[in-house]
């Protein structure tokens, strides 16, 4: 390729410069796909982790689920699947049969069309997957029926399917808000490849995951002193809320700009081993935590969102934060 530059174009992001050439060579940073945490877990923490794990597994009850949303239902599936891998990592496999049953009971109805109130359908016009609710209402399932947020929703299901395939090998059968959920989609696809011994799927999932991580770190993570978005935005923000093709928002779809704990959380959840790669820049991670912590003093801050802040704080320190 022998590229030549053409005139630059003003944009909401840094100046866009056109490049003429006959090919593109994309070289993502190599990212290893692992089932368990990259740095491992200290054995002295096992007992406390197991105690919490047992309580979480005892609370699993597929019959008590009331949501029919593909997004929120998928999150319940992925959360349970995560418990299985934590159990493996702390060598407490007694809970895995209960998790396996929960995953089978929750995943299979979505795939065989027996789930009451929703399910996945093949949409022939564009050739893709939609939900029953989304096919009837463009606003349902966060626009899933009009191909919005697919990688978020399906990513959670893929994670659950990948873990279920691992722990039960006989089972075979336009803007972006959350970069971490996008990373999860491709990470989960790669794990699914590992579970089924499909090296091609592992390679594709890993490559897409690496591109998503690089994009998140470039466009969503706003470091102190960066001039990517100009001084005014950089001074006030450590992370973008929603990034569009022609604008950027500090707010989220569900939260105003000053709810910083939600902004941090939506760019971190779900917490997985790959989260350590997404937030591998410890200096920036510390900046983000310090920027967010004052927001936790606001009246009405949810305990769940606080948890994401403390989890990210743990990445930057060796101090035990269990009892926060």
C-alpha atoms as a PDB file:
ATOM      1  CA  UNK A   1       0.000   0.000   0.000  1.00  0.00           C
ATOM      2  CA  UNK A   2       1.295   3.436  -0.899  1.00  0.00           C
ATOM      3  CA  UNK A   3      -1.157   5.835   0.777  1.00  0.00           C
ATOM      4  CA  UNK A   4      -1.457   9.529   0.125  1.00  0.00           C
ATOM      5  CA  UNK A   5      -3.196  12.093   2.320  1.00  0.00           C
ATOM      6  CA  UNK A   6      -6.083  14.208   1.125  1.00  0.00           C
ATOM      7  CA  UNK A   7      -7.605  17.259   2.797  1.00  0.00           C
ATOM      8  CA  UNK A   8      -8.654  17.091   6.444  1.00  0.00           C
ATOM      9  CA  UNK A   9     -12.269  17.374   7.576  1.00  0.00           C
ATOM     10  CA  UNK A  10     -13.494  19.161  10.740  1.00  0.00           C
ATOM     11  CA  UNK A  11     -15.241  16.797  13.141  1.00  0.00           C
ATOM     12  CA  UNK A  12     -16.529  16.508  16.699  1.00  0.00           C
ATOM     13  CA  UNK A  13     -13.558  14.237  17.356  1.00  0.00           C
ATOM     14  CA  UNK A  14      -9.994  15.247  16.399  1.00  0.00           C
ATOM     15  CA  UNK A  15      -9.452  16.422  12.828  1.00  0.00           C
ATOM     16  CA  UNK A  16     -10.315  13.676  10.342  1.00  0.00           C
ATOM     17  CA  UNK A  17      -7.725  13.169   7.626  1.00  0.00           C
ATOM     18  CA  UNK A  18      -8.583  11.243   4.484  1.00  0.00           C
ATOM     19  CA  UNK A  19      -6.148   8.573   3.294  1.00  0.00           C
ATOM     20  CA  UNK A  20      -6.133   7.093  -0.208  1.00  0.00           C
ATOM     21  CA  UNK A  21      -4.851   3.556  -0.627  1.00  0.00           C
ATOM     22  CA  UNK A  22      -5.723   0.138  -1.999  1.00  0.00           C
ATOM     23  CA  UNK A  23      -5.820  -1.804   1.279  1.00  0.00           C
ATOM     24  CA  UNK A  24      -6.088  -1.498   5.055  1.00  0.00           C
ATOM     25  CA  UNK A  25      -3.882  -3.497   7.398  1.00  0.00           C
ATOM     26  CA  UNK A  26      -5.297  -3.544  10.930  1.00  0.00           C
ATOM     27  CA  UNK A  27      -2.999  -4.761  13.696  1.00  0.00           C
ATOM     28  CA  UNK A  28      -4.769  -5.124  17.057  1.00  0.00           C
ATOM     29  CA  UNK A  29      -2.790  -5.671  20.224  1.00  0.00           C
ATOM     30  CA  UNK A  30      -2.721  -9.373  21.055  1.00  0.00           C
ATOM     31  CA  UNK A  31      -5.090 -10.184  23.933  1.00  0.00           C
ATOM     32  CA  UNK A  32      -5.147 -13.646  25.506  1.00  0.00           C
ATOM     33  CA  UNK A  33      -8.547 -15.173  26.254  1.00  0.00           C
ATOM     34  CA  UNK A  34      -8.757 -16.882  29.646  1.00  0.00           C
ATOM     35  CA  UNK A  35     -11.631 -18.328  31.635  1.00  0.00           C
ATOM     36  CA  UNK A  36     -10.285 -17.163  34.979  1.00  0.00           C
ATOM     37  CA  UNK A  37      -8.718 -14.007  36.402  1.00  0.00           C
ATOM     38  CA  UNK A  38      -5.454 -13.029  34.786  1.00  0.00           C
ATOM     39  CA  UNK A  39      -3.545 -12.277  37.983  1.00  0.00           C
ATOM     40  CA  UNK A  40      -5.097 -15.028  40.076  1.00  0.00           C
ATOM     41  CA  UNK A  41      -6.710 -14.915  43.517  1.00  0.00           C
ATOM     42  CA  UNK A  42      -4.805 -14.990  46.820  1.00  0.00           C
ATOM     43  CA  UNK A  43      -5.561 -18.225  48.643  1.00  0.00           C
ATOM     44  CA  UNK A  44      -6.099 -16.392  51.932  1.00  0.00           C
ATOM     45  CA  UNK A  45      -9.194 -14.843  50.301  1.00  0.00           C
ATOM     46  CA  UNK A  46     -10.723 -18.196  49.321  1.00  0.00           C
ATOM     47  CA  UNK A  47     -12.789 -18.710  52.481  1.00  0.00           C
ATOM     48  CA  UNK A  48     -14.442 -15.299  52.264  1.00  0.00           C
ATOM     49  CA  UNK A  49     -15.096 -15.706  48.547  1.00  0.00           C
ATOM     50  CA  UNK A  50     -16.601 -19.168  49.050  1.00  0.00           C
ATOM     51  CA  UNK A  51     -18.909 -17.886  51.787  1.00  0.00           C
ATOM     52  CA  UNK A  52     -20.251 -15.176  49.463  1.00  0.00           C
ATOM     53  CA  UNK A  53     -20.383 -17.620  46.552  1.00  0.00           C
ATOM     54  CA  UNK A  54     -22.552 -20.100  48.450  1.00  0.00           C
ATOM     55  CA  UNK A  55     -25.060 -17.370  49.337  1.00  0.00           C
ATOM     56  CA  UNK A  56     -25.250 -16.173  45.728  1.00  0.00           C
ATOM     57  CA  UNK A  57     -25.768 -19.688  44.366  1.00  0.00           C
ATOM     58  CA  UNK A  58     -28.436 -20.466  46.969  1.00  0.00           C
ATOM     59  CA  UNK A  59     -30.338 -17.405  45.724  1.00  0.00           C
ATOM     60  CA  UNK A  60     -30.489 -18.690  42.125  1.00  0.00           C
ATOM     61  CA  UNK A  61     -34.099 -19.492  41.222  1.00  0.00           C
ATOM     62  CA  UNK A  62     -35.185 -19.477  37.595  1.00  0.00           C
ATOM     63  CA  UNK A  63     -38.875 -19.623  38.571  1.00  0.00           C
ATOM     64  CA  UNK A  64     -38.582 -16.305  40.415  1.00  0.00           C
ATOM     65  CA  UNK A  65     -37.407 -14.344  37.358  1.00  0.00           C
ATOM     66  CA  UNK A  66     -40.056 -11.840  36.292  1.00  0.00           C
ATOM     67  CA  UNK A  67     -38.304  -9.905  33.532  1.00  0.00           C
ATOM     68  CA  UNK A  68     -38.866 -10.815  29.883  1.00  0.00           C
ATOM     69  CA  UNK A  69     -36.325  -8.283  28.596  1.00  0.00           C
ATOM     70  CA  UNK A  70     -33.532  -9.878  26.560  1.00  0.00           C
ATOM     71  CA  UNK A  71     -31.053  -7.443  28.114  1.00  0.00           C
ATOM     72  CA  UNK A  72     -31.931  -7.906  31.776  1.00  0.00           C
ATOM     73  CA  UNK A  73     -32.596 -11.624  31.378  1.00  0.00           C
ATOM     74  CA  UNK A  74     -29.241 -12.052  29.665  1.00  0.00           C
ATOM     75  CA  UNK A  75     -27.526 -10.300  32.556  1.00  0.00           C
ATOM     76  CA  UNK A  76     -29.073 -12.761  35.014  1.00  0.00           C
ATOM     77  CA  UNK A  77     -27.741 -15.639  32.921  1.00  0.00           C
ATOM     78  CA  UNK A  78     -24.238 -14.172  32.657  1.00  0.00           C
ATOM     79  CA  UNK A  79     -24.123 -13.368  36.368  1.00  0.00           C
ATOM     80  CA  UNK A  80     -24.869 -17.000  37.226  1.00  0.00           C
ATOM     81  CA  UNK A  81     -22.303 -18.210  34.701  1.00  0.00           C
ATOM     82  CA  UNK A  82     -19.686 -15.989  36.303  1.00  0.00           C
ATOM     83  CA  UNK A  83     -20.337 -17.737  39.621  1.00  0.00           C
ATOM     84  CA  UNK A  84     -19.389 -21.083  38.046  1.00  0.00           C
ATOM     85  CA  UNK A  85     -16.010 -19.794  36.920  1.00  0.00           C
ATOM     86  CA  UNK A  86     -15.362 -18.170  40.298  1.00  0.00           C
ATOM     87  CA  UNK A  87     -16.176 -21.533  41.897  1.00  0.00           C
ATOM     88  CA  UNK A  88     -13.628 -23.222  39.651  1.00  0.00           C
ATOM     89  CA  UNK A  89     -10.988 -20.645  40.472  1.00  0.00           C
ATOM     90  CA  UNK A  90     -11.342 -21.004  44.246  1.00  0.00           C
ATOM     91  CA  UNK A  91     -11.606 -24.804  43.939  1.00  0.00           C
ATOM     92  CA  UNK A  92     -15.143 -25.003  45.311  1.00  0.00           C
ATOM     93  CA  UNK A  93     -16.953 -27.064  42.699  1.00  0.00           C
ATOM     94  CA  UNK A  94     -19.784 -28.215  44.987  1.00  0.00           C
ATOM     95  CA  UNK A  95     -21.978 -25.357  43.753  1.00  0.00           C
ATOM     96  CA  UNK A  96     -21.462 -25.994  40.039  1.00  0.00           C
ATOM     97  CA  UNK A  97     -24.326 -28.521  39.592  1.00  0.00           C
ATOM     98  CA  UNK A  98     -26.834 -25.949  40.894  1.00  0.00           C
ATOM     99  CA  UNK A  99     -25.420 -23.293  38.580  1.00  0.00           C
ATOM    100  CA  UNK A 100     -25.489 -25.695  35.633  1.00  0.00           C
ATOM    101  CA  UNK A 101     -29.171 -26.450  36.246  1.00  0.00           C
ATOM    102  CA  UNK A 102     -29.993 -22.736  36.498  1.00  0.00           C
ATOM    103  CA  UNK A 103     -28.184 -22.001  33.227  1.00  0.00           C
ATOM    104  CA  UNK A 104     -29.943 -24.812  31.374  1.00  0.00           C
ATOM    105  CA  UNK A 105     -33.328 -23.778  32.750  1.00  0.00           C
ATOM    106  CA  UNK A 106     -32.832 -20.146  31.721  1.00  0.00           C
ATOM    107  CA  UNK A 107     -30.982 -20.436  28.402  1.00  0.00           C
ATOM    108  CA  UNK A 108     -32.736 -23.308  26.638  1.00  0.00           C
ATOM    109  CA  UNK A 109     -36.233 -21.729  26.492  1.00  0.00           C
ATOM    110  CA  UNK A 110     -34.792 -18.722  24.631  1.00  0.00           C
ATOM    111  CA  UNK A 111     -33.184 -20.993  22.066  1.00  0.00           C
ATOM    112  CA  UNK A 112     -36.001 -23.485  21.517  1.00  0.00           C
ATOM    113  CA  UNK A 113     -38.824 -20.934  21.355  1.00  0.00           C
ATOM    114  CA  UNK A 114     -40.596 -21.972  24.551  1.00  0.00           C
ATOM    115  CA  UNK A 115     -39.803 -18.880  26.648  1.00  0.00           C
ATOM    116  CA  UNK A 116     -43.055 -17.209  27.663  1.00  0.00           C
ATOM    117  CA  UNK A 117     -43.280 -13.562  26.598  1.00  0.00           C
ATOM    118  CA  UNK A 118     -40.179 -13.200  24.454  1.00  0.00           C
ATOM    119  CA  UNK A 119     -37.546 -15.123  22.544  1.00  0.00           C
ATOM    120  CA  UNK A 120     -35.170 -14.912  19.612  1.00  0.00           C
ATOM    121  CA  UNK A 121     -36.423 -14.900  16.012  1.00  0.00           C
ATOM    122  CA  UNK A 122     -34.720 -14.819  12.620  1.00  0.00           C
ATOM    123  CA  UNK A 123     -35.643 -11.676  10.692  1.00  0.00           C
ATOM    124  CA  UNK A 124     -35.428 -12.453   6.976  1.00  0.00           C
ATOM    125  CA  UNK A 125     -35.370  -8.934   5.478  1.00  0.00           C
ATOM    126  CA  UNK A 126     -31.972  -8.001   6.903  1.00  0.00           C
ATOM    127  CA  UNK A 127     -30.938 -11.533   7.820  1.00  0.00           C
ATOM    128  CA  UNK A 128     -30.405 -11.250  11.557  1.00  0.00           C
ATOM    129  CA  UNK A 129     -31.686 -12.081  15.017  1.00  0.00           C
ATOM    130  CA  UNK A 130     -34.441 -10.048  16.674  1.00  0.00           C
ATOM    131  CA  UNK A 131     -36.621 -10.650  19.715  1.00  0.00           C
ATOM    132  CA  UNK A 132     -40.354 -11.315  19.682  1.00  0.00           C
ATOM    133  CA  UNK A 133     -40.975  -8.116  21.619  1.00  0.00           C
ATOM    134  CA  UNK A 134     -38.575  -6.176  19.410  1.00  0.00           C
ATOM    135  CA  UNK A 135     -40.239  -7.401  16.227  1.00  0.00           C
ATOM    136  CA  UNK A 136     -43.564  -5.931  17.363  1.00  0.00           C
ATOM    137  CA  UNK A 137     -42.288  -2.750  19.019  1.00  0.00           C
ATOM    138  CA  UNK A 138     -39.185  -0.896  17.833  1.00  0.00           C
ATOM    139  CA  UNK A 139     -38.726   0.537  21.322  1.00  0.00           C
ATOM    140  CA  UNK A 140     -38.849  -2.809  23.123  1.00  0.00           C
ATOM    141  CA  UNK A 141     -35.663  -4.483  24.337  1.00  0.00           C
ATOM    142  CA  UNK A 142     -33.787  -1.196  23.841  1.00  0.00           C
ATOM    143  CA  UNK A 143     -34.406  -1.337  20.078  1.00  0.00           C
ATOM    144  CA  UNK A 144     -33.240  -4.927  19.583  1.00  0.00           C
ATOM    145  CA  UNK A 145     -35.868  -5.408  16.873  1.00  0.00           C
ATOM    146  CA  UNK A 146     -34.269  -2.639  14.786  1.00  0.00           C
ATOM    147  CA  UNK A 147     -30.747  -3.999  15.355  1.00  0.00           C
ATOM    148  CA  UNK A 148     -29.772  -1.743  18.247  1.00  0.00           C
ATOM    149  CA  UNK A 149     -27.538  -2.966  21.104  1.00  0.00           C
ATOM    150  CA  UNK A 150     -27.325  -6.499  19.694  1.00  0.00           C
ATOM    151  CA  UNK A 151     -23.803  -7.120  20.946  1.00  0.00           C
ATOM    152  CA  UNK A 152     -24.792  -6.051  24.465  1.00  0.00           C
ATOM    153  CA  UNK A 153     -27.757  -8.412  24.789  1.00  0.00           C
ATOM    154  CA  UNK A 154     -26.332 -11.354  22.879  1.00  0.00           C
ATOM    155  CA  UNK A 155     -22.976 -10.962  24.630  1.00  0.00           C
ATOM    156  CA  UNK A 156     -24.557 -11.924  27.943  1.00  0.00           C
ATOM    157  CA  UNK A 157     -26.270 -14.947  26.404  1.00  0.00           C
ATOM    158  CA  UNK A 158     -23.035 -16.013  24.687  1.00  0.00           C
ATOM    159  CA  UNK A 159     -21.152 -15.788  27.961  1.00  0.00           C
ATOM    160  CA  UNK A 160     -23.731 -18.014  29.632  1.00  0.00           C
ATOM    161  CA  UNK A 161     -23.722 -20.469  26.719  1.00  0.00           C
ATOM    162  CA  UNK A 162     -19.911 -20.622  26.682  1.00  0.00           C
ATOM    163  CA  UNK A 163     -19.731 -21.346  30.405  1.00  0.00           C
ATOM    164  CA  UNK A 164     -22.540 -23.904  30.197  1.00  0.00           C
ATOM    165  CA  UNK A 165     -20.734 -25.655  27.356  1.00  0.00           C
ATOM    166  CA  UNK A 166     -17.600 -25.704  29.515  1.00  0.00           C
ATOM    167  CA  UNK A 167     -19.183 -27.066  32.685  1.00  0.00           C
ATOM    168  CA  UNK A 168     -21.583 -29.367  30.822  1.00  0.00           C
ATOM    169  CA  UNK A 169     -19.806 -30.558  27.638  1.00  0.00           C
ATOM    170  CA  UNK A 170     -22.776 -32.748  26.716  1.00  0.00           C
ATOM    171  CA  UNK A 171     -24.939 -29.616  26.277  1.00  0.00           C
ATOM    172  CA  UNK A 172     -24.635 -28.507  22.667  1.00  0.00           C
ATOM    173  CA  UNK A 173     -27.699 -27.741  21.700  1.00  0.00           C
ATOM    174  CA  UNK A 174     -25.605   3.566  16.082  1.00  0.00           C
ATOM    175  CA  UNK A 175     -24.345   4.888  19.105  1.00  0.00           C
ATOM    176  CA  UNK A 176     -22.606   3.097  21.850  1.00  0.00           C
ATOM    177  CA  UNK A 177     -22.922   3.544  25.586  1.00  0.00           C
ATOM    178  CA  UNK A 178     -21.293   0.580  27.333  1.00  0.00           C
ATOM    179  CA  UNK A 179     -17.900  -0.347  25.909  1.00  0.00           C
ATOM    180  CA  UNK A 180     -17.391  -3.057  28.533  1.00  0.00           C
ATOM    181  CA  UNK A 181     -20.571  -4.855  27.470  1.00  0.00           C
ATOM    182  CA  UNK A 182     -19.365  -4.630  23.868  1.00  0.00           C
ATOM    183  CA  UNK A 183     -16.027  -6.166  24.886  1.00  0.00           C
ATOM    184  CA  UNK A 184     -17.963  -8.880  26.721  1.00  0.00           C
ATOM    185  CA  UNK A 185     -19.773  -9.877  23.516  1.00  0.00           C
ATOM    186  CA  UNK A 186     -16.544 -10.720  21.676  1.00  0.00           C
ATOM    187  CA  UNK A 187     -14.805 -12.090  24.771  1.00  0.00           C
ATOM    188  CA  UNK A 188     -17.754 -14.439  25.242  1.00  0.00           C
ATOM    189  CA  UNK A 189     -17.643 -15.461  21.582  1.00  0.00           C
ATOM    190  CA  UNK A 190     -13.972 -16.373  22.026  1.00  0.00           C
ATOM    191  CA  UNK A 191     -14.790 -18.354  25.181  1.00  0.00           C
ATOM    192  CA  UNK A 192     -17.517 -20.144  23.253  1.00  0.00           C
ATOM    193  CA  UNK A 193     -14.863 -21.082  20.700  1.00  0.00           C
ATOM    194  CA  UNK A 194     -12.682 -22.463  23.498  1.00  0.00           C
ATOM    195  CA  UNK A 195     -15.593 -24.457  24.890  1.00  0.00           C
ATOM    196  CA  UNK A 196     -16.405 -26.041  21.523  1.00  0.00           C
ATOM    197  CA  UNK A 197     -12.812 -26.390  20.326  1.00  0.00           C
ATOM    198  CA  UNK A 198     -13.427 -23.948  17.456  1.00  0.00           C
ATOM    199  CA  UNK A 199     -10.091 -22.177  16.914  1.00  0.00           C
ATOM    200  CA  UNK A 200     -11.544 -20.005  14.132  1.00  0.00           C
ATOM    201  CA  UNK A 201     -14.189 -18.599  16.479  1.00  0.00           C
ATOM    202  CA  UNK A 202     -11.520 -18.022  19.147  1.00  0.00           C
ATOM    203  CA  UNK A 203      -9.415 -16.069  16.646  1.00  0.00           C
ATOM    204  CA  UNK A 204     -12.310 -13.947  15.377  1.00  0.00           C
ATOM    205  CA  UNK A 205     -13.656 -13.266  18.866  1.00  0.00           C
ATOM    206  CA  UNK A 206     -10.196 -12.371  20.165  1.00  0.00           C
ATOM    207  CA  UNK A 207      -9.514  -9.990  17.281  1.00  0.00           C
ATOM    208  CA  UNK A 208     -12.860  -8.207  17.598  1.00  0.00           C
ATOM    209  CA  UNK A 209     -12.384  -8.021  21.363  1.00  0.00           C
ATOM    210  CA  UNK A 210      -8.955  -6.447  20.907  1.00  0.00           C
ATOM    211  CA  UNK A 211     -10.338  -3.851  18.485  1.00  0.00           C
ATOM    212  CA  UNK A 212     -13.180  -3.041  20.901  1.00  0.00           C
ATOM    213  CA  UNK A 213     -10.733  -2.608  23.804  1.00  0.00           C
ATOM    214  CA  UNK A 214      -8.481  -0.364  21.750  1.00  0.00           C
ATOM    215  CA  UNK A 215     -11.460   1.743  20.646  1.00  0.00           C
ATOM    216  CA  UNK A 216     -12.738   2.057  24.224  1.00  0.00           C
ATOM    217  CA  UNK A 217      -9.353   3.123  25.528  1.00  0.00           C
ATOM    218  CA  UNK A 218      -8.997   5.650  22.715  1.00  0.00           C
ATOM    219  CA  UNK A 219     -12.464   7.197  22.468  1.00  0.00           C
ATOM    220  CA  UNK A 220     -14.208   6.602  25.827  1.00  0.00           C
ATOM    221  CA  UNK A 221     -11.360   6.818  28.378  1.00  0.00           C
ATOM    222  CA  UNK A 222     -10.586  10.513  28.842  1.00  0.00           C
ATOM    223  CA  UNK A 223      -7.164  10.924  30.445  1.00  0.00           C
ATOM    224  CA  UNK A 224      -6.029  14.035  32.262  1.00  0.00           C
ATOM    225  CA  UNK A 225      -4.090  16.252  29.880  1.00  0.00           C
ATOM    226  CA  UNK A 226      -5.507  14.659  26.719  1.00  0.00           C
ATOM    227  CA  UNK A 227      -6.564  17.091  24.013  1.00  0.00           C
ATOM    228  CA  UNK A 228      -8.647  14.562  22.097  1.00  0.00           C
ATOM    229  CA  UNK A 229     -11.910  16.325  22.943  1.00  0.00           C
ATOM    230  CA  UNK A 230     -10.614  19.750  23.899  1.00  0.00           C
ATOM    231  CA  UNK A 231      -9.848  21.253  27.297  1.00  0.00           C
ATOM    232  CA  UNK A 232     -13.415  22.006  28.430  1.00  0.00           C
ATOM    233  CA  UNK A 233     -14.670  18.434  28.031  1.00  0.00           C
ATOM    234  CA  UNK A 234     -11.442  16.863  29.310  1.00  0.00           C
ATOM    235  CA  UNK A 235     -11.386  18.908  32.523  1.00  0.00           C
ATOM    236  CA  UNK A 236     -14.944  17.864  33.427  1.00  0.00           C
ATOM    237  CA  UNK A 237     -14.909  14.224  32.299  1.00  0.00           C
ATOM    238  CA  UNK A 238     -12.809  11.100  32.803  1.00  0.00           C
ATOM    239  CA  UNK A 239     -15.093   8.900  30.715  1.00  0.00           C
ATOM    240  CA  UNK A 240     -17.578   9.485  27.890  1.00  0.00           C
ATOM    241  CA  UNK A 241     -21.204   8.572  28.576  1.00  0.00           C
ATOM    242  CA  UNK A 242     -22.557   7.896  25.077  1.00  0.00           C
ATOM    243  CA  UNK A 243     -20.483   8.311  21.923  1.00  0.00           C
ATOM    244  CA  UNK A 244     -22.297   9.047  18.671  1.00  0.00           C
ATOM    245  CA  UNK A 245     -21.059   9.407  15.117  1.00  0.00           C
ATOM    246  CA  UNK A 246     -21.385  13.176  15.319  1.00  0.00           C
ATOM    247  CA  UNK A 247     -21.428  14.050  19.029  1.00  0.00           C
ATOM    248  CA  UNK A 248     -20.474  12.867  22.499  1.00  0.00           C
ATOM    249  CA  UNK A 249     -22.581  12.934  25.671  1.00  0.00           C
ATOM    250  CA  UNK A 250     -21.565  13.185  29.306  1.00  0.00           C
ATOM    251  CA  UNK A 251     -24.998  11.856  30.268  1.00  0.00           C
ATOM    252  CA  UNK A 252     -26.195   8.280  29.911  1.00  0.00           C
ATOM    253  CA  UNK A 253     -29.550   7.113  28.597  1.00  0.00           C
ATOM    254  CA  UNK A 254     -30.622   6.569  32.201  1.00  0.00           C
ATOM    255  CA  UNK A 255     -28.488   8.990  34.216  1.00  0.00           C
ATOM    256  CA  UNK A 256     -27.451  12.670  34.171  1.00  0.00           C
ATOM    257  CA  UNK A 257     -23.765  13.695  33.918  1.00  0.00           C
ATOM    258  CA  UNK A 258     -23.260  14.161  37.666  1.00  0.00           C
ATOM    259  CA  UNK A 259     -24.120  10.507  38.358  1.00  0.00           C
ATOM    260  CA  UNK A 260     -20.497   9.634  37.812  1.00  0.00           C
ATOM    261  CA  UNK A 261     -20.761   6.274  39.567  1.00  0.00           C
ATOM    262  CA  UNK A 262     -23.194   5.173  36.831  1.00  0.00           C
ATOM    263  CA  UNK A 263     -20.836   6.320  34.106  1.00  0.00           C
ATOM    264  CA  UNK A 264     -17.972   4.368  35.638  1.00  0.00           C
ATOM    265  CA  UNK A 265     -20.193   1.340  36.203  1.00  0.00           C
ATOM    266  CA  UNK A 266     -21.652   1.192  32.698  1.00  0.00           C
ATOM    267  CA  UNK A 267     -18.116   1.208  31.261  1.00  0.00           C
ATOM    268  CA  UNK A 268     -17.005  -1.586  33.638  1.00  0.00           C
ATOM    269  CA  UNK A 269     -19.877  -4.070  33.886  1.00  0.00           C
ATOM    270  CA  UNK A 270     -19.857  -7.015  33.729  1.00  0.00           C
ATOM    271  CA  UNK A 271     -16.718  -7.485  35.854  1.00  0.00           C
ATOM    272  CA  UNK A 272     -14.733 -10.290  34.227  1.00  0.00           C
ATOM    273  CA  UNK A 273     -11.076 -11.285  33.821  1.00  0.00           C
ATOM    274  CA  UNK A 274     -11.008  -9.253  30.597  1.00  0.00           C
ATOM    275  CA  UNK A 275     -11.850  -6.137  32.643  1.00  0.00           C
ATOM    276  CA  UNK A 276      -8.209  -6.129  33.757  1.00  0.00           C
ATOM    277  CA  UNK A 277      -7.162  -5.670  30.130  1.00  0.00           C
ATOM    278  CA  UNK A 278      -9.774  -3.013  29.391  1.00  0.00           C
ATOM    279  CA  UNK A 279      -8.499  -1.030  32.395  1.00  0.00           C
ATOM    280  CA  UNK A 280      -4.840  -2.054  32.204  1.00  0.00           C
ATOM    281  CA  UNK A 281      -3.704   1.588  32.373  1.00  0.00           C
ATOM    282  CA  UNK A 282      -3.483   1.836  36.169  1.00  0.00           C
ATOM    283  CA  UNK A 283      -2.719   5.555  36.046  1.00  0.00           C
ATOM    284  CA  UNK A 284      -5.927   6.283  34.140  1.00  0.00           C
ATOM    285  CA  UNK A 285      -7.925   3.861  36.288  1.00  0.00           C
ATOM    286  CA  UNK A 286      -6.801   5.748  39.387  1.00  0.00           C
ATOM    287  CA  UNK A 287      -7.800   9.049  37.735  1.00  0.00           C
ATOM    288  CA  UNK A 288     -11.245   7.615  36.961  1.00  0.00           C
ATOM    289  CA  UNK A 289     -11.780   6.329  40.512  1.00  0.00           C
ATOM    290  CA  UNK A 290     -10.672   9.622  42.083  1.00  0.00           C
ATOM    291  CA  UNK A 291     -12.985  11.518  39.707  1.00  0.00           C
ATOM    292  CA  UNK A 292     -15.915   9.270  40.665  1.00  0.00           C
ATOM    293  CA  UNK A 293     -15.556   8.878  44.441  1.00  0.00           C
ATOM    294  CA  UNK A 294     -16.977  12.326  45.386  1.00  0.00           C
ATOM    295  CA  UNK A 295     -20.237  11.395  43.614  1.00  0.00           C
ATOM    296  CA  UNK A 296     -20.821   8.590  46.126  1.00  0.00           C
ATOM    297  CA  UNK A 297     -21.700  11.183  48.770  1.00  0.00           C
ATOM    298  CA  UNK A 298     -24.813  12.214  46.841  1.00  0.00           C
ATOM    299  CA  UNK A 299     -28.177  11.262  48.356  1.00  0.00           C
ATOM    300  CA  UNK A 300     -29.768   8.248  46.699  1.00  0.00           C
ATOM    301  CA  UNK A 301     -26.659   6.624  45.231  1.00  0.00           C
ATOM    302  CA  UNK A 302     -27.414   2.931  44.670  1.00  0.00           C
ATOM    303  CA  UNK A 303     -25.315   0.358  46.504  1.00  0.00           C
ATOM    304  CA  UNK A 304     -24.905  -1.601  43.275  1.00  0.00           C
ATOM    305  CA  UNK A 305     -23.231   1.307  41.497  1.00  0.00           C
ATOM    306  CA  UNK A 306     -20.984   1.909  44.508  1.00  0.00           C
ATOM    307  CA  UNK A 307     -19.813  -1.675  44.137  1.00  0.00           C
ATOM    308  CA  UNK A 308     -18.434  -1.012  40.663  1.00  0.00           C
ATOM    309  CA  UNK A 309     -16.475   1.987  41.943  1.00  0.00           C
ATOM    310  CA  UNK A 310     -14.974  -0.042  44.781  1.00  0.00           C
ATOM    311  CA  UNK A 311     -14.176  -2.905  42.408  1.00  0.00           C
ATOM    312  CA  UNK A 312     -12.280  -0.545  40.137  1.00  0.00           C
ATOM    313  CA  UNK A 313     -10.557   1.012  43.142  1.00  0.00           C
ATOM    314  CA  UNK A 314      -9.331  -2.478  44.027  1.00  0.00           C
ATOM    315  CA  UNK A 315      -7.527  -2.634  40.672  1.00  0.00           C
ATOM    316  CA  UNK A 316      -5.378   0.319  41.747  1.00  0.00           C
ATOM    317  CA  UNK A 317      -4.567  -0.778  45.301  1.00  0.00           C
ATOM    318  CA  UNK A 318      -3.628  -3.904  47.213  1.00  0.00           C
ATOM    319  CA  UNK A 319      -5.791  -2.902  50.160  1.00  0.00           C
ATOM    320  CA  UNK A 320      -8.673  -5.225  51.011  1.00  0.00           C
ATOM    321  CA  UNK A 321     -11.989  -3.515  50.178  1.00  0.00           C
ATOM    322  CA  UNK A 322     -14.378  -6.370  50.990  1.00  0.00           C
ATOM    323  CA  UNK A 323     -16.268  -4.538  53.698  1.00  0.00           C
ATOM    324  CA  UNK A 324     -16.894  -1.274  51.878  1.00  0.00           C
END
